[in-house]
C-alpha atoms as a PDB file:
ATOM      1  CA  MET A   1      -5.835 -46.231 -10.301  1.00  0.00           C
ATOM      2  CA  LEU A   2      -9.037 -46.478  -8.281  1.00  0.00           C
ATOM      3  CA  PHE A   3     -11.525 -49.326  -8.644  1.00  0.00           C
ATOM      4  CA  GLU A   4     -15.165 -49.537  -7.598  1.00  0.00           C
ATOM      5  CA  TYR A   5     -16.519 -52.783  -6.233  1.00  0.00           C
ATOM      6  CA  ASP A   6     -20.053 -53.971  -5.563  1.00  0.00           C
ATOM      7  CA  LEU A   7     -18.943 -55.981  -2.522  1.00  0.00           C
ATOM      8  CA  VAL A   8     -15.755 -56.574  -0.546  1.00  0.00           C
ATOM      9  CA  ILE A   9     -15.305 -59.942   1.156  1.00  0.00           C
ATOM     10  CA  LEU A  10     -12.860 -59.888   4.062  1.00  0.00           C
ATOM     11  CA  ASP A  11     -11.346 -62.528   6.285  1.00  0.00           C
ATOM     12  CA  LEU A  12     -10.234 -61.687   9.794  1.00  0.00           C
ATOM     13  CA  MET A  13      -6.856 -63.310   9.229  1.00  0.00           C
ATOM     14  CA  LEU A  14      -5.120 -61.277   6.523  1.00  0.00           C
ATOM     15  CA  PRO A  15      -1.376 -60.772   6.111  1.00  0.00           C
ATOM     16  CA  GLY A  16      -0.129 -57.407   7.317  1.00  0.00           C
ATOM     17  CA  MET A  17      -3.468 -56.074   8.540  1.00  0.00           C
ATOM     18  CA  ASN A  18      -6.404 -58.052   9.891  1.00  0.00           C
ATOM     19  CA  GLY A  19      -9.880 -57.717   8.451  1.00  0.00           C
ATOM     20  CA  ILE A  20     -11.111 -55.710  11.431  1.00  0.00           C
ATOM     21  CA  GLU A  21      -8.414 -53.057  10.947  1.00  0.00           C
ATOM     22  CA  LEU A  22      -9.021 -52.966   7.188  1.00  0.00           C
ATOM     23  CA  CYS A  23     -12.766 -52.598   7.702  1.00  0.00           C
ATOM     24  CA  LYS A  24     -12.284 -49.744  10.180  1.00  0.00           C
ATOM     25  CA  LYS A  25      -9.887 -47.933   7.827  1.00  0.00           C
ATOM     26  CA  ALA A  26     -12.280 -48.320   4.906  1.00  0.00           C
ATOM     27  CA  ARG A  27     -15.148 -46.826   6.891  1.00  0.00           C
ATOM     28  CA  GLN A  28     -12.949 -43.997   8.246  1.00  0.00           C
ATOM     29  CA  GLN A  29     -12.072 -43.133   4.643  1.00  0.00           C
ATOM     30  CA  GLY A  30     -15.749 -42.930   3.742  1.00  0.00           C
ATOM     31  CA  ILE A  31     -15.856 -46.131   1.686  1.00  0.00           C
ATOM     32  CA  ALA A  32     -19.510 -47.172   1.603  1.00  0.00           C
ATOM     33  CA  THR A  33     -19.069 -50.416  -0.366  1.00  0.00           C
ATOM     34  CA  PRO A  34     -20.753 -53.323   1.452  1.00  0.00           C
ATOM     35  CA  LEU A  35     -18.224 -55.283   3.504  1.00  0.00           C
ATOM     36  CA  LEU A  36     -18.823 -58.958   4.283  1.00  0.00           C
ATOM     37  CA  MET A  37     -16.675 -60.728   6.859  1.00  0.00           C
ATOM     38  CA  LEU A  38     -16.338 -64.338   5.736  1.00  0.00           C
ATOM     39  CA  THR A  39     -14.210 -66.262   8.195  1.00  0.00           C
ATOM     40  CA  ALA A  40     -13.751 -69.447  10.155  1.00  0.00           C
ATOM     41  CA  LEU A  41     -13.767 -67.458  13.421  1.00  0.00           C
ATOM     42  CA  GLY A  42     -17.364 -67.638  14.544  1.00  0.00           C
ATOM     43  CA  THR A  43     -17.409 -66.852  18.253  1.00  0.00           C
ATOM     44  CA  VAL A  44     -19.935 -64.313  19.450  1.00  0.00           C
ATOM     45  CA  ASP A  45     -17.065 -61.975  20.381  1.00  0.00           C
ATOM     46  CA  ASN A  46     -15.599 -62.182  16.860  1.00  0.00           C
ATOM     47  CA  ILE A  47     -18.984 -61.490  15.285  1.00  0.00           C
ATOM     48  CA  VAL A  48     -19.654 -58.479  17.529  1.00  0.00           C
ATOM     49  CA  VAL A  49     -16.187 -57.014  16.883  1.00  0.00           C
ATOM     50  CA  GLY A  50     -16.571 -57.583  13.133  1.00  0.00           C
ATOM     51  CA  LEU A  51     -19.925 -55.851  12.939  1.00  0.00           C
ATOM     52  CA  ASP A  52     -18.798 -53.059  15.263  1.00  0.00           C
ATOM     53  CA  SER A  53     -15.815 -52.423  12.982  1.00  0.00           C
ATOM     54  CA  GLY A  54     -18.199 -51.497  10.174  1.00  0.00           C
ATOM     55  CA  ALA A  55     -18.879 -54.784   8.418  1.00  0.00           C
ATOM     56  CA  ASP A  56     -22.339 -55.014   6.895  1.00  0.00           C
ATOM     57  CA  ASP A  57     -22.592 -58.723   7.562  1.00  0.00           C
ATOM     58  CA  TYR A  58     -20.556 -61.530   9.114  1.00  0.00           C
ATOM     59  CA  LEU A  59     -20.604 -65.112   7.919  1.00  0.00           C
ATOM     60  CA  ALA A  60     -18.778 -67.690  10.000  1.00  0.00           C
ATOM     61  CA  SER A  61     -18.041 -71.060   8.494  1.00  0.00           C
ATOM     62  CA  PRO A  62     -16.065 -73.733  10.321  1.00  0.00           C
ATOM     63  CA  ASP A  63     -15.281 -75.488   7.042  1.00  0.00           C
ATOM     64  CA  ILE A  64     -14.571 -72.405   4.958  1.00  0.00           C
ATOM     65  CA  ASP A  65     -11.437 -73.931   3.409  1.00  0.00           C
ATOM     66  CA  ASP A  66     -13.455 -76.855   2.095  1.00  0.00           C
ATOM     67  CA  ARG A  67     -16.105 -74.524   0.695  1.00  0.00           C
ATOM     68  CA  MET A  68     -13.517 -72.336  -1.017  1.00  0.00           C
ATOM     69  CA  GLU A  69     -11.840 -75.392  -2.566  1.00  0.00           C
ATOM     70  CA  ARG A  70     -15.216 -76.581  -3.834  1.00  0.00           C
ATOM     71  CA  ALA A  71     -15.957 -73.124  -5.257  1.00  0.00           C
ATOM     72  CA  GLU A  72     -12.568 -73.016  -7.001  1.00  0.00           C
ATOM     73  CA  THR A  73     -13.137 -76.490  -8.450  1.00  0.00           C
ATOM     74  CA  LEU A  74     -16.563 -75.492  -9.733  1.00  0.00           C
ATOM     75  CA  ALA A  75     -15.143 -72.338 -11.325  1.00  0.00           C
ATOM     76  CA  GLU A  76     -12.294 -74.294 -12.939  1.00  0.00           C
ATOM     77  CA  ASP A  77     -14.694 -76.941 -14.262  1.00  0.00           C
ATOM     78  CA  ALA A  78     -16.955 -74.262 -15.733  1.00  0.00           C
ATOM     79  CA  ALA A  79     -13.976 -72.524 -17.350  1.00  0.00           C
ATOM     80  CA  GLU A  80     -12.773 -75.803 -18.866  1.00  0.00           C
ATOM     81  CA  LYS A  81     -16.226 -76.435 -20.325  1.00  0.00           C
ATOM     82  CA  GLU A  82     -16.151 -72.966 -21.878  1.00  0.00           C
ATOM     83  CA  GLY A  83     -12.657 -73.573 -23.248  1.00  0.00           C
ATOM     84  CA  CYS A  84     -11.113 -70.825 -21.133  1.00  0.00           C
ATOM     85  CA  MET A  85      -8.427 -73.001 -19.561  1.00  0.00           C
ATOM     86  CA  ARG A  86      -5.752 -75.160 -21.114  1.00  0.00           C
END
């Protein structure tokens, strides 16, 4: 089954294959979906390698774990308000 996505968000540190390798493979296979690297690794070298691998944009955040936890909490709170969670 094949799915279409509006955006793919990748981290550099993925199990099995890093985000750079995954991005390169996606582009080699002709996948044109926008790819955003969202990672805690924000050195200039990491950014250049990420963009050179085919990423459309690169967002480095030193406190990405905190931001993701906050986003999850917000989503859970919204779902509880809507009665979607028990």
